[in-house]
Amino acid sequence: MALSPELQAVANNVDRDGWTKVYVQKDPANPNSRLLFTVTVGMQEKFGLPELVIFGLNPETADGMVHNVAAKLVNEKTWTGEALSMDGVLNEADVELRPVHPEHLGEVGAINIMIRRETGRPPLGGMIQVFWPGDDGRFPWDPESTDEFRDQPRLDISWKKAGP
């Protein structure tokens, strides 16, 4: 199975630059469609880090955040696989990085999985979700948060209900 022209362009960017970003829109055929999330492809091989995913931000803000987070992770070598608070990434607000739960990798990592499979790259090893604070300055897991976080699903936890 060959890559679609859109995914081939992503693979070509990774070949050329070592890594890239992909903006996933609600309606890919409409350039003005709402941006759902931004995901990296190639950070695993280039930097030895999990791929990043950010939800609910416009392309310009997401672009800056991806570059700032990637630079800090590469330069400071701070990723241990545990939740990590990071400042100086999004204006004056801190962000928090958390590993994506394995049950969500098939969906949010689909672009990575397809490109890796079709180009002979190593399998996707994991992803990091970059969380930003809501309008109230709190994160989705804070019980005192008043923000509904519709644009930031929590992929750091399982969504499966516990058995009986």
C-alpha atoms as a PDB file:
ATOM      1  CA  MET A   1       0.000   0.000   0.000  1.00  0.00           C
ATOM      2  CA  ALA A   2       1.481   3.329  -1.061  1.00  0.00           C
ATOM      3  CA  LEU A   3       1.116   6.581   0.825  1.00  0.00           C
ATOM      4  CA  SER A   4      -1.492   9.107  -0.279  1.00  0.00           C
ATOM      5  CA  PRO A   5      -0.051  12.253  -1.899  1.00  0.00           C
ATOM      6  CA  GLU A   6      -0.668  14.164   1.359  1.00  0.00           C
ATOM      7  CA  LEU A   7       1.183  11.608   3.487  1.00  0.00           C
ATOM      8  CA  GLN A   8       3.941  11.255   0.881  1.00  0.00           C
ATOM      9  CA  ALA A   9       4.552  15.010   1.253  1.00  0.00           C
ATOM     10  CA  VAL A  10       4.883  14.509   5.028  1.00  0.00           C
ATOM     11  CA  ALA A  11       7.325  11.609   4.512  1.00  0.00           C
ATOM     12  CA  ASN A  12       9.329  13.766   2.075  1.00  0.00           C
ATOM     13  CA  ASN A  13       9.543  16.564   4.663  1.00  0.00           C
ATOM     14  CA  VAL A  14      10.809  14.087   7.270  1.00  0.00           C
ATOM     15  CA  ASP A  15      13.396  12.781   4.787  1.00  0.00           C
ATOM     16  CA  ARG A  16      14.547  16.332   4.053  1.00  0.00           C
ATOM     17  CA  ASP A  17      14.425  17.899   7.549  1.00  0.00           C
ATOM     18  CA  GLY A  18      14.489  14.952   9.954  1.00  0.00           C
ATOM     19  CA  TRP A  19      11.080  15.829  11.424  1.00  0.00           C
ATOM     20  CA  THR A  20       7.975  17.864  10.629  1.00  0.00           C
ATOM     21  CA  LYS A  21       4.548  18.917  11.905  1.00  0.00           C
ATOM     22  CA  VAL A  22       1.141  17.919  10.559  1.00  0.00           C
ATOM     23  CA  TYR A  23      -1.993  19.978  11.164  1.00  0.00           C
ATOM     24  CA  VAL A  24      -5.073  17.759  11.336  1.00  0.00           C
ATOM     25  CA  GLN A  25      -8.236  19.637  10.411  1.00  0.00           C
ATOM     26  CA  LYS A  26     -11.880  18.723  10.875  1.00  0.00           C
ATOM     27  CA  ASP A  27     -12.379  18.903   7.093  1.00  0.00           C
ATOM     28  CA  PRO A  28      -9.040  18.399   5.298  1.00  0.00           C
ATOM     29  CA  ALA A  29     -10.596  19.512   1.992  1.00  0.00           C
ATOM     30  CA  ASN A  30     -11.397  22.952   3.442  1.00  0.00           C
ATOM     31  CA  PRO A  31      -8.293  25.029   4.295  1.00  0.00           C
ATOM     32  CA  ASN A  32     -10.439  27.221   6.589  1.00  0.00           C
ATOM     33  CA  SER A  33     -11.699  24.209   8.536  1.00  0.00           C
ATOM     34  CA  ARG A  34     -11.154  24.090  12.295  1.00  0.00           C
ATOM     35  CA  LEU A  35      -7.790  22.709  13.395  1.00  0.00           C
ATOM     36  CA  LEU A  36      -8.275  19.663  15.637  1.00  0.00           C
ATOM     37  CA  PHE A  37      -4.681  18.927  16.571  1.00  0.00           C
ATOM     38  CA  THR A  38      -1.052  19.250  15.553  1.00  0.00           C
ATOM     39  CA  VAL A  39       1.260  16.234  15.612  1.00  0.00           C
ATOM     40  CA  THR A  40       4.970  15.788  14.947  1.00  0.00           C
ATOM     41  CA  VAL A  41       6.496  13.101  12.753  1.00  0.00           C
ATOM     42  CA  GLY A  42      10.185  12.187  13.009  1.00  0.00           C
ATOM     43  CA  MET A  43      11.173  13.455  16.465  1.00  0.00           C
ATOM     44  CA  GLN A  44      11.559   9.865  17.608  1.00  0.00           C
ATOM     45  CA  GLU A  45      14.354   9.198  15.120  1.00  0.00           C
ATOM     46  CA  LYS A  46      15.948  12.649  15.008  1.00  0.00           C
ATOM     47  CA  PHE A  47      15.997  13.379  18.746  1.00  0.00           C
ATOM     48  CA  GLY A  48      15.165  10.086  20.476  1.00  0.00           C
ATOM     49  CA  LEU A  49      11.958  11.628  21.864  1.00  0.00           C
ATOM     50  CA  PRO A  50       8.307  10.635  21.591  1.00  0.00           C
ATOM     51  CA  GLU A  51       6.231  12.494  19.021  1.00  0.00           C
ATOM     52  CA  LEU A  52       4.269  15.534  20.250  1.00  0.00           C
ATOM     53  CA  VAL A  53       0.535  16.206  19.954  1.00  0.00           C
ATOM     54  CA  ILE A  54      -1.224  19.479  20.792  1.00  0.00           C
ATOM     55  CA  PHE A  55      -4.976  20.047  20.627  1.00  0.00           C
ATOM     56  CA  GLY A  56      -7.156  23.084  20.136  1.00  0.00           C
ATOM     57  CA  LEU A  57      -4.723  25.834  19.155  1.00  0.00           C
ATOM     58  CA  ASN A  58      -4.508  27.778  15.921  1.00  0.00           C
ATOM     59  CA  PRO A  59      -1.660  26.788  13.564  1.00  0.00           C
ATOM     60  CA  GLU A  60       0.543  29.769  14.442  1.00  0.00           C
ATOM     61  CA  THR A  61       0.335  29.189  18.198  1.00  0.00           C
ATOM     62  CA  ALA A  62       0.700  25.410  17.821  1.00  0.00           C
ATOM     63  CA  ASP A  63       3.701  25.899  15.524  1.00  0.00           C
ATOM     64  CA  GLY A  64       5.510  28.083  18.048  1.00  0.00           C
ATOM     65  CA  MET A  65       4.632  25.760  20.906  1.00  0.00           C
ATOM     66  CA  VAL A  66       5.885  22.658  19.072  1.00  0.00           C
ATOM     67  CA  HIS A  67       9.202  24.333  18.286  1.00  0.00           C
ATOM     68  CA  ASN A  68       9.630  25.693  21.827  1.00  0.00           C
ATOM     69  CA  VAL A  69       8.766  22.376  23.492  1.00  0.00           C
ATOM     70  CA  ALA A  70      10.976  20.388  21.103  1.00  0.00           C
ATOM     71  CA  ALA A  71      13.922  22.755  21.649  1.00  0.00           C
ATOM     72  CA  LYS A  72      13.590  22.557  25.431  1.00  0.00           C
ATOM     73  CA  LEU A  73      13.277  18.767  25.416  1.00  0.00           C
ATOM     74  CA  VAL A  74      16.291  18.372  23.131  1.00  0.00           C
ATOM     75  CA  ASN A  75      18.498  20.958  24.863  1.00  0.00           C
ATOM     76  CA  GLU A  76      17.570  20.213  28.469  1.00  0.00           C
ATOM     77  CA  LYS A  77      17.094  16.439  28.086  1.00  0.00           C
ATOM     78  CA  THR A  78      14.277  16.545  30.639  1.00  0.00           C
ATOM     79  CA  TRP A  79      11.821  13.941  29.336  1.00  0.00           C
ATOM     80  CA  THR A  80      11.652  10.885  31.614  1.00  0.00           C
ATOM     81  CA  GLY A  81       8.239   9.555  30.587  1.00  0.00           C
ATOM     82  CA  GLU A  82       6.547  11.220  33.562  1.00  0.00           C
ATOM     83  CA  ALA A  83       4.438  14.394  33.645  1.00  0.00           C
ATOM     84  CA  LEU A  84       6.639  17.451  33.151  1.00  0.00           C
ATOM     85  CA  SER A  85       5.810  21.124  33.703  1.00  0.00           C
ATOM     86  CA  MET A  86       7.519  23.514  31.300  1.00  0.00           C
ATOM     87  CA  ASP A  87       7.601  27.306  31.414  1.00  0.00           C
ATOM     88  CA  GLY A  88       8.441  29.845  28.741  1.00  0.00           C
ATOM     89  CA  VAL A  89       6.627  27.922  26.030  1.00  0.00           C
ATOM     90  CA  LEU A  90       3.212  29.600  25.683  1.00  0.00           C
ATOM     91  CA  ASN A  91       3.366  33.344  26.363  1.00  0.00           C
ATOM     92  CA  GLU A  92       3.439  33.685  30.158  1.00  0.00           C
ATOM     93  CA  ALA A  93       1.682  30.386  30.899  1.00  0.00           C
ATOM     94  CA  ASP A  94       3.252  27.065  31.797  1.00  0.00           C
ATOM     95  CA  VAL A  95       2.388  23.968  29.806  1.00  0.00           C
ATOM     96  CA  GLU A  96       2.423  20.394  31.009  1.00  0.00           C
ATOM     97  CA  LEU A  97       3.661  17.399  29.064  1.00  0.00           C
ATOM     98  CA  ARG A  98       2.157  13.983  29.737  1.00  0.00           C
ATOM     99  CA  PRO A  99       2.625  10.657  27.967  1.00  0.00           C
ATOM    100  CA  VAL A 100      -0.263   9.611  25.729  1.00  0.00           C
ATOM    101  CA  HIS A 101      -1.931   6.459  27.079  1.00  0.00           C
ATOM    102  CA  PRO A 102      -1.235   3.478  24.756  1.00  0.00           C
ATOM    103  CA  GLU A 103      -4.941   2.969  23.979  1.00  0.00           C
ATOM    104  CA  HIS A 104      -5.010   6.335  22.153  1.00  0.00           C
ATOM    105  CA  LEU A 105      -1.898   5.837  20.003  1.00  0.00           C
ATOM    106  CA  GLY A 106      -3.771   4.094  17.175  1.00  0.00           C
ATOM    107  CA  GLU A 107      -5.994   7.112  16.604  1.00  0.00           C
ATOM    108  CA  VAL A 108      -3.864  10.147  17.424  1.00  0.00           C
ATOM    109  CA  GLY A 109      -0.753   8.405  16.104  1.00  0.00           C
ATOM    110  CA  ALA A 110      -2.347   7.168  12.863  1.00  0.00           C
ATOM    111  CA  ILE A 111      -0.327   9.498  10.625  1.00  0.00           C
ATOM    112  CA  ASN A 112       2.900   8.387  12.301  1.00  0.00           C
ATOM    113  CA  ILE A 113       1.917   4.725  12.124  1.00  0.00           C
ATOM    114  CA  MET A 114       1.079   4.847   8.398  1.00  0.00           C
ATOM    115  CA  ILE A 115       4.181   6.805   7.411  1.00  0.00           C
ATOM    116  CA  ARG A 116       6.433   4.567   9.502  1.00  0.00           C
ATOM    117  CA  ARG A 117       4.920   1.382   8.116  1.00  0.00           C
ATOM    118  CA  GLU A 118       5.072   2.473   4.472  1.00  0.00           C
ATOM    119  CA  THR A 119       8.586   3.960   4.618  1.00  0.00           C
ATOM    120  CA  GLY A 120      10.307   1.305   6.727  1.00  0.00           C
ATOM    121  CA  ARG A 121      10.877   3.562   9.716  1.00  0.00           C
ATOM    122  CA  PRO A 122      10.814   2.111  13.246  1.00  0.00           C
ATOM    123  CA  PRO A 123       7.345   1.680  14.810  1.00  0.00           C
ATOM    124  CA  LEU A 124       5.866   4.530  16.821  1.00  0.00           C
ATOM    125  CA  GLY A 125       7.317   4.271  20.313  1.00  0.00           C
ATOM    126  CA  GLY A 126       5.052   6.730  22.088  1.00  0.00           C
ATOM    127  CA  MET A 127       3.678  10.245  22.124  1.00  0.00           C
ATOM    128  CA  ILE A 128       3.610  13.229  24.465  1.00  0.00           C
ATOM    129  CA  GLN A 129       0.503  15.381  24.793  1.00  0.00           C
ATOM    130  CA  VAL A 130       1.247  19.046  25.459  1.00  0.00           C
ATOM    131  CA  PHE A 131      -1.464  20.537  27.680  1.00  0.00           C
ATOM    132  CA  TRP A 132      -2.053  24.261  28.022  1.00  0.00           C
ATOM    133  CA  PRO A 133      -4.065  25.949  30.778  1.00  0.00           C
ATOM    134  CA  GLY A 134      -7.673  26.944  30.223  1.00  0.00           C
ATOM    135  CA  ASP A 135      -9.094  30.440  30.498  1.00  0.00           C
ATOM    136  CA  ASP A 136      -9.121  30.019  34.275  1.00  0.00           C
ATOM    137  CA  GLY A 137      -5.366  29.266  34.307  1.00  0.00           C
ATOM    138  CA  ARG A 138      -5.892  25.628  35.317  1.00  0.00           C
ATOM    139  CA  PHE A 139      -5.276  22.322  33.580  1.00  0.00           C
ATOM    140  CA  PRO A 140      -7.961  19.725  32.677  1.00  0.00           C
ATOM    141  CA  TRP A 141      -7.217  17.477  35.676  1.00  0.00           C
ATOM    142  CA  ASP A 142      -7.483  20.284  38.250  1.00  0.00           C
ATOM    143  CA  PRO A 143     -10.709  19.689  40.237  1.00  0.00           C
ATOM    144  CA  GLU A 144     -11.109  23.465  40.685  1.00  0.00           C
ATOM    145  CA  SER A 145     -10.998  24.168  36.961  1.00  0.00           C
ATOM    146  CA  THR A 146     -14.025  25.938  35.523  1.00  0.00           C
ATOM    147  CA  ASP A 147     -12.976  25.475  31.887  1.00  0.00           C
ATOM    148  CA  GLU A 148     -14.688  22.623  30.026  1.00  0.00           C
ATOM    149  CA  PHE A 149     -11.591  21.830  27.890  1.00  0.00           C
ATOM    150  CA  ARG A 150     -13.632  20.718  24.894  1.00  0.00           C
ATOM    151  CA  ASP A 151     -10.593  21.285  22.687  1.00  0.00           C
ATOM    152  CA  GLN A 152      -8.164  19.303  24.877  1.00  0.00           C
ATOM    153  CA  PRO A 153      -9.146  15.671  25.311  1.00  0.00           C
ATOM    154  CA  ARG A 154      -7.149  13.912  28.005  1.00  0.00           C
ATOM    155  CA  LEU A 155      -5.162  11.297  26.146  1.00  0.00           C
ATOM    156  CA  ASP A 156      -2.896  10.740  29.147  1.00  0.00           C
ATOM    157  CA  ILE A 157      -5.524   8.502  30.756  1.00  0.00           C
ATOM    158  CA  SER A 158      -7.550   5.472  29.701  1.00  0.00           C
ATOM    159  CA  TRP A 159     -11.116   6.132  28.621  1.00  0.00           C
ATOM    160  CA  LYS A 160     -12.191   2.532  29.146  1.00  0.00           C
ATOM    161  CA  LYS A 161     -14.565   1.896  31.989  1.00  0.00           C
ATOM    162  CA  ALA A 162     -13.371  -0.451  34.700  1.00  0.00           C
ATOM    163  CA  GLY A 163     -14.909  -3.928  34.552  1.00  0.00           C
ATOM    164  CA  PRO A 164     -17.587  -5.125  37.003  1.00  0.00           C
END
